[in-house]
Protein backbone atom coordinates (compact mmCIF):
# COMPACT_ATOMS: atom_id res chain seq x y z
CA MET A 1 0.00 0.00 0.00
CA ILE A 2 1.24 3.47 -0.96
CA ILE A 3 -0.14 6.81 0.31
CA SER A 4 0.90 10.14 -1.17
CA GLN A 5 0.15 13.53 0.40
CA THR A 6 0.08 16.53 -1.94
CA PRO A 7 -0.57 20.12 -0.84
CA LEU A 8 -3.11 22.58 -2.16
CA ARG A 9 -1.98 26.14 -2.86
CA ILE A 10 -2.73 29.83 -2.75
CA SER A 11 -1.59 32.02 -5.62
CA LEU A 12 -0.51 35.54 -4.69
CA ALA A 13 0.23 37.18 -8.04
CA GLY A 14 0.92 36.54 -11.72
CA GLY A 15 -1.95 34.17 -12.41
CA GLY A 16 -2.77 34.08 -16.12
CA THR A 17 0.84 34.57 -17.20
CA ASP A 18 1.38 30.80 -16.72
CA LEU A 19 -1.00 30.15 -19.63
CA SER A 20 0.76 29.22 -22.87
CA SER A 21 -1.12 31.98 -24.69
CA PHE A 22 0.99 34.43 -22.64
CA TYR A 23 4.33 32.75 -21.92
CA LYS A 24 4.80 31.62 -25.54
CA GLN A 25 5.04 35.33 -26.37
CA GLU A 26 7.11 36.42 -23.35
CA PRO A 27 8.06 34.85 -19.99
CA GLY A 28 5.34 34.59 -17.37
CA CYS A 29 5.90 34.89 -13.61
CA VAL A 30 3.84 33.65 -10.67
CA ILE A 31 4.39 33.65 -6.92
CA SER A 32 2.43 31.08 -4.94
CA SER A 33 2.63 28.97 -1.80
CA ALA A 34 1.61 25.49 -0.77
CA ILE A 35 -0.71 25.28 2.24
CA ASP A 36 -1.33 22.59 4.84
CA LYS A 37 -4.47 21.23 3.17
CA TYR A 38 -4.00 18.14 1.08
CA ILE A 39 -5.02 15.61 -1.50
CA PHE A 40 -4.32 12.03 -0.44
CA VAL A 41 -3.92 9.21 -2.95
CA ILE A 42 -3.99 5.62 -1.70
CA ILE A 43 -2.87 2.76 -3.94
CA LYS A 44 -3.30 -0.85 -2.86
CA GLU A 45 -2.34 -3.98 -4.73
CA ARG A 46 -5.24 -6.33 -5.46
CA PHE A 47 -5.28 -10.12 -5.62
CA ASP A 48 -7.19 -10.07 -8.91
CA ASN A 49 -6.41 -8.09 -12.07
CA LYS A 50 -9.32 -5.65 -11.83
CA ILE A 51 -8.95 -1.90 -11.33
CA TYR A 52 -10.96 -0.27 -8.53
CA ILE A 53 -11.21 3.55 -8.41
CA ASN A 54 -12.80 5.29 -5.39
CA TYR A 55 -13.58 9.02 -5.41
CA SER A 56 -16.98 10.73 -5.41
CA LYS A 57 -18.12 7.59 -7.21
CA LYS A 58 -16.79 4.04 -7.47
CA GLU A 59 -15.50 2.43 -10.63
CA ILE A 60 -14.65 -1.24 -11.17
CA VAL A 61 -13.15 -1.96 -14.59
CA ASP A 62 -10.97 -4.55 -16.31
CA HIS A 63 -8.86 -2.22 -18.45
CA VAL A 64 -7.30 1.23 -18.07
CA ASP A 65 -9.10 2.48 -21.19
CA GLU A 66 -12.44 1.92 -19.44
CA ILE A 67 -11.69 4.29 -16.54
CA GLU A 68 -13.96 7.36 -16.52
CA HIS A 69 -11.80 9.42 -14.13
CA ASP A 70 -9.59 11.09 -16.72
CA LEU A 71 -6.74 12.02 -14.34
CA VAL A 72 -6.48 8.47 -12.96
CA ARG A 73 -6.69 6.97 -16.44
CA GLU A 74 -3.92 9.14 -17.91
CA ALA A 75 -1.68 8.85 -14.84
CA MET A 76 -1.89 5.06 -15.07
CA ARG A 77 -1.05 5.19 -18.76
CA LYS A 78 1.87 7.52 -18.08
CA THR A 79 3.37 5.29 -15.37
CA GLY A 80 2.57 1.93 -16.97
CA VAL A 81 0.37 0.56 -14.17
CA ASP A 82 -2.40 -1.29 -15.98
CA LYS A 83 -4.08 -3.83 -13.67
CA GLY A 84 -4.52 -5.24 -10.20
CA VAL A 85 -4.76 -2.02 -8.19
CA GLU A 86 -7.26 -0.12 -6.07
CA ILE A 87 -6.87 3.66 -6.11
CA THR A 88 -8.61 6.00 -3.67
CA THR A 89 -8.46 9.81 -3.61
CA LEU A 90 -9.38 11.90 -0.56
CA ALA A 91 -9.43 15.70 -0.26
CA ASP A 92 -9.53 18.31 2.50
CA ILE A 93 -11.82 20.52 0.37
CA PRO A 94 -14.67 20.23 -2.14
CA SER A 95 -13.49 17.94 -4.92
CA SER A 96 -13.39 20.56 -7.68
CA GLY A 97 -13.91 24.25 -8.34
CA SER A 98 -12.24 25.47 -5.15
CA GLY A 99 -9.57 27.60 -6.79
CA LEU A 100 -6.89 26.00 -4.59
CA GLY A 101 -5.41 23.85 -7.36
CA SER A 102 -7.04 20.58 -6.33
CA SER A 103 -7.14 18.96 -9.78
CA SER A 104 -3.42 19.48 -10.33
CA SER A 105 -2.67 18.25 -6.80
CA VAL A 106 -4.63 15.09 -7.61
CA THR A 107 -2.60 14.59 -10.80
CA VAL A 108 0.77 15.17 -9.11
CA GLY A 109 -0.22 12.96 -6.17
CA LEU A 110 -1.37 10.17 -8.50
CA LEU A 111 1.89 10.23 -10.43
CA ASN A 112 3.96 10.23 -7.24
CA ALA A 113 2.05 7.30 -5.75
CA LEU A 114 2.01 5.29 -8.99
CA TYR A 115 5.73 5.74 -9.63
CA THR A 116 6.44 4.71 -6.03
CA TYR A 117 4.19 1.67 -6.52
CA CYS A 118 6.39 0.78 -9.50
CA GLY A 119 9.53 1.20 -7.37
CA GLU A 120 10.67 4.33 -9.23
CA LEU A 121 11.97 7.49 -7.55
CA VAL A 122 11.24 10.59 -9.66
CA THR A 123 12.00 14.28 -9.19
CA ALA A 124 9.59 17.11 -8.46
CA GLU A 125 10.42 18.51 -11.90
CA GLN A 126 9.35 15.30 -13.62
CA LEU A 127 6.14 15.05 -11.61
CA ALA A 128 5.23 18.66 -12.41
CA ARG A 129 6.13 18.37 -16.08
CA GLU A 130 4.21 15.12 -16.59
CA ALA A 131 1.18 16.47 -14.68
CA CYS A 132 1.18 19.42 -17.13
CA GLU A 133 1.39 17.00 -20.06
CA ILE A 134 -1.61 15.07 -18.75
CA GLU A 135 -3.84 18.04 -17.95
CA ILE A 136 -2.88 20.46 -20.72
CA ASP A 137 -1.52 18.41 -23.65
CA ILE A 138 -3.48 15.16 -23.37
CA LEU A 139 -6.78 16.26 -21.78
CA GLY A 140 -6.76 19.75 -23.32
CA LYS A 141 -7.71 21.64 -20.17
CA PRO A 142 -7.43 25.45 -20.63
CA ILE A 143 -5.20 25.85 -17.57
CA GLY A 144 -1.72 27.09 -16.75
CA LYS A 145 1.31 25.44 -15.18
CA GLN A 146 1.58 27.03 -11.74
CA ASP A 147 -0.63 24.54 -9.88
CA GLN A 148 1.29 21.45 -10.97
CA TYR A 149 4.64 23.00 -10.08
CA ILE A 150 3.72 24.30 -6.63
CA ALA A 151 2.05 20.95 -5.80
CA ALA A 152 5.25 19.12 -6.75
CA TYR A 153 7.77 21.50 -5.15
CA GLY A 154 5.85 22.91 -2.17
CA GLY A 155 6.97 25.87 -0.07
CA MET A 156 6.64 29.43 -1.31
CA LYS A 157 8.01 29.70 -4.83
CA PHE A 158 8.57 32.28 -7.55
CA PHE A 159 8.12 30.62 -10.95
CA GLN A 160 9.23 31.84 -14.36
CA PHE A 161 7.54 30.20 -17.35
CA LYS A 162 9.63 30.63 -20.48
CA PRO A 163 8.61 30.49 -24.18
CA ASP A 164 10.67 27.31 -24.72
CA ASP A 165 8.62 25.61 -21.92
CA GLU A 166 11.47 25.79 -19.39
CA VAL A 167 10.22 26.51 -15.87
CA VAL A 168 12.62 28.26 -13.48
CA VAL A 169 11.84 27.59 -9.82
CA GLU A 170 13.08 30.06 -7.20
CA ARG A 171 12.57 29.60 -3.47
CA VAL A 172 11.20 32.71 -1.77
CA LYS A 173 13.52 33.17 1.20
CA LEU A 174 11.70 33.68 4.46
CA ALA A 175 12.92 32.88 7.97
CA ASN A 176 10.62 30.58 9.95
CA SER A 177 9.60 33.32 12.41
CA HIS A 178 8.79 35.71 9.55
CA LYS A 179 7.01 32.94 7.67
CA ARG A 180 4.70 32.40 10.65
CA HIS A 181 4.08 36.14 10.92
CA PHE A 182 3.27 36.49 7.22
CA GLY A 183 1.10 33.38 7.12
CA ALA A 184 -0.86 34.56 10.18
CA ASN A 185 -1.96 37.63 8.21
CA LEU A 186 -3.59 35.54 5.49
CA MET A 187 -7.20 34.36 5.71
CA LEU A 188 -9.38 32.16 3.51
CA PHE A 189 -13.18 32.23 3.40
CA PHE A 190 -15.36 29.89 1.34
CA THR A 191 -17.73 31.83 -0.90
CA GLY A 192 -20.29 29.05 -0.62
CA THR A 193 -20.08 28.06 -4.28
CA THR A 194 -17.70 26.08 -6.45
CA ARG A 195 -17.42 26.55 -10.17
CA SER A 196 -15.84 25.04 -13.27
CA SER A 197 -12.82 27.12 -14.21
CA ASP A 198 -12.85 25.94 -17.82
CA LEU A 199 -15.25 28.59 -19.17
CA ILE A 200 -13.49 31.44 -17.35
CA LEU A 201 -10.02 30.29 -18.39
CA THR A 202 -11.09 29.67 -21.99
CA GLU A 203 -12.41 33.23 -22.21
CA GLN A 204 -9.29 34.54 -20.50
CA LYS A 205 -7.07 32.58 -22.89
CA ASN A 206 -8.96 33.91 -25.90
CA ASN A 207 -8.62 37.46 -24.55
CA THR A 208 -4.84 37.22 -24.03
CA ASN A 209 -3.74 39.31 -27.01
CA HIS A 210 -6.19 42.08 -26.02
CA LYS A 211 -5.16 41.97 -22.35
CA MET A 212 -1.37 41.84 -22.62
CA GLU A 213 -0.85 45.08 -20.69
CA VAL A 214 -3.04 43.87 -17.83
CA LEU A 215 -1.20 40.54 -17.74
CA ARG A 216 2.19 42.30 -17.80
CA SER A 217 1.05 44.35 -14.82
CA LEU A 218 0.01 41.19 -12.93
CA LYS A 219 3.37 39.65 -13.81
CA HIS A 220 5.14 42.74 -12.43
CA GLN A 221 3.17 42.34 -9.19
CA ALA A 222 4.67 38.86 -8.75
CA PHE A 223 8.08 40.55 -8.59
CA GLN A 224 6.73 43.21 -6.21
CA ILE A 225 5.29 40.65 -3.79
CA ARG A 226 8.46 38.57 -3.91
CA ASP A 227 10.55 41.63 -3.04
CA SER A 228 8.13 42.77 -0.32
CA ILE A 229 8.32 39.35 1.33
CA HIS A 230 12.13 39.28 1.06
CA ASN A 231 12.22 42.67 2.79
CA ASN A 232 9.67 41.63 5.47
CA GLN A 233 7.34 44.43 4.31
CA PHE A 234 4.30 42.21 4.59
CA ASP A 235 1.57 44.85 4.67
CA GLN A 236 2.64 45.91 1.17
CA VAL A 237 1.45 42.49 0.01
CA GLY A 238 -2.10 43.42 1.02
CA THR A 239 -1.95 46.63 -1.00
CA ILE A 240 -0.57 44.80 -4.04
CA LEU A 241 -3.27 42.12 -3.75
CA ALA A 242 -5.95 44.84 -3.75
CA GLU A 243 -4.48 46.44 -6.88
CA GLY A 244 -4.10 43.04 -8.54
CA TRP A 245 -7.70 42.03 -7.87
CA GLU A 246 -8.98 45.12 -9.67
CA LYS A 247 -6.82 44.21 -12.65
CA LYS A 248 -7.62 40.51 -12.60
CA LYS A 249 -11.36 41.26 -12.88
CA ARG A 250 -10.66 42.76 -16.32
CA LEU A 251 -9.37 39.49 -17.77
CA ALA A 252 -12.74 37.71 -18.15
CA SER A 253 -16.41 38.46 -17.58
CA GLN A 254 -17.18 35.83 -14.92
CA ILE A 255 -14.19 36.26 -12.59
CA THR A 256 -16.36 38.09 -10.08
CA ASN A 257 -20.05 38.62 -9.37
CA GLU A 258 -22.25 40.65 -7.04
CA CYS A 259 -21.95 38.20 -4.15
CA ILE A 260 -18.15 38.08 -4.35
CA ASP A 261 -17.91 41.87 -4.62
CA THR A 262 -20.13 42.32 -1.57
CA MET A 263 -18.12 39.80 0.42
CA TYR A 264 -14.80 41.42 -0.57
CA ASN A 265 -16.01 44.97 0.19
CA ARG A 266 -17.23 43.92 3.63
CA ALA A 267 -13.78 42.49 4.37
CA LEU A 268 -12.05 45.72 3.32
CA GLU A 269 -14.40 47.83 5.43
CA ALA A 270 -13.64 45.59 8.43
CA GLY A 271 -9.87 46.01 8.11
CA ALA A 272 -8.49 43.70 5.42
CA LEU A 273 -5.85 45.45 3.29
CA GLY A 274 -6.55 43.48 0.13
CA GLY A 275 -7.39 40.12 -1.33
CA LYS A 276 -8.55 38.15 -4.34
CA ILE A 277 -10.51 35.10 -5.34
CA SER A 278 -8.10 32.19 -5.39
CA GLY A 279 -7.79 30.53 -8.78
CA ALA A 280 -9.71 31.41 -11.92
CA GLY A 281 -12.54 33.21 -10.08
CA GLY A 282 -16.30 32.94 -10.04
CA GLY A 283 -16.44 31.15 -6.67
CA GLY A 284 -14.31 28.96 -4.47
CA PHE A 285 -12.25 30.69 -1.77
CA LEU A 286 -11.63 34.36 -1.06
CA LEU A 287 -8.03 35.00 0.02
CA LEU A 288 -7.50 38.05 2.25
CA TYR A 289 -4.48 39.80 3.68
CA CYS A 290 -5.47 41.20 7.06
CA PRO A 291 -3.33 42.29 10.04
CA ARG A 292 -4.08 40.07 13.01
CA GLU A 293 -5.51 42.87 15.14
CA LYS A 294 -8.29 43.36 12.56
CA GLN A 295 -9.09 39.71 11.92
CA ASN A 296 -11.88 39.32 14.44
CA GLN A 297 -13.64 42.27 12.85
CA VAL A 298 -13.32 40.60 9.44
CA ARG A 299 -14.64 37.34 10.86
CA ASP A 300 -17.64 39.17 12.25
CA ALA A 301 -18.27 40.94 8.93
CA LEU A 302 -18.12 37.59 7.09
CA LYS A 303 -19.80 35.51 9.80
CA GLU A 304 -22.17 33.83 7.32
CA TYR A 305 -19.18 32.46 5.39
CA ARG A 306 -17.05 29.56 6.55
CA GLU A 307 -13.44 30.42 7.36
CA PHE A 308 -10.81 27.92 6.25
CA PRO A 309 -7.84 28.21 8.68
CA PHE A 310 -4.49 27.16 7.23
CA PHE A 311 -0.71 27.42 7.56
CA LEU A 312 1.90 27.74 4.86
CA GLU A 313 3.38 24.36 3.92
CA LYS A 314 7.09 23.81 3.23
CA ASP A 315 6.82 20.42 1.50
CA GLY A 316 5.52 19.43 -1.89
CA THR A 317 4.07 16.05 -2.74
CA LYS A 318 5.52 13.23 -0.66
CA ILE A 319 4.96 9.60 0.20
CA ILE A 320 3.75 9.31 3.80
CA PHE A 321 3.17 5.53 3.84
CA ASN A 322 4.93 2.81 1.88
CA MET A 323 4.30 -0.80 2.78
CA GLY A 324 5.84 -2.88 0.03
CA ARG A 325 5.49 -6.59 -0.38
CA TYR A 326 8.54 -8.61 -1.28
CA GLU A 327 9.02 -12.20 -2.40
CA TRP A 328 11.24 -14.52 -0.38
CA LYS A 329 14.44 -15.37 -2.22
């Protein structure tokens, strides 16, 4: 039995510039962090040759090609596991549409667990790259690359996505005491709705050539937030998030709505310095930067919404249980 644990993430700035429609023209940049909420993938060897898949539904099939869960199917094809396994996925959040990168965390976690099941040790770079191949190239999802890379590498990272498909990964340096201080100023609230990101991202992708200046500005903010964190000027992050949210809303028509705007404005009035919807938009989780002395006021202003407490996570995907079976020689 193998169990992988793969973190979810929050994206601070640069989202949209990790789409190929942008970075094929000029490098994209994103700063994001893993958080201590996870996707777990459990793989167990079976006595028979059937394939069992357990998620929000249960599948029992004889061949990989028959699997309906597209991420499981393609991860099995990629790793060469084709029979005699039971695969279960568990999540700390709603299964999709959260904006916390859950689909990519599932893909990275599946690959990690399946390669371990095969006795192969692979790098974070390979896991991220192959997760991108599955989601973007094979399944044709209109998404970027940041989620796969932060799920594989973990920590707080500054990514550069280059036109030749190279991804440069830079660790954002932050002492543990400062990391705790910065993380304590971040809050997540569930908007009460999940959404499919595909329509929003497809529109955003189609708008890229008309929105290059907005995207360049969001890319520049990734540098600004990185530098603010390096200099321990954390409150500047809140101001940059507020500016970035106003720009992000211009990328596609469904990124925000009246309910999200009301929720966000209440948070600002109560003391939050800035924030944004995590992920593509339209629902999921609202990320806020709020000094700790104002947080109870924000909680009171958003009391009808569920808060999602979290800490920043230093690790990427990892195997937390590995019970192999070996033949006697």
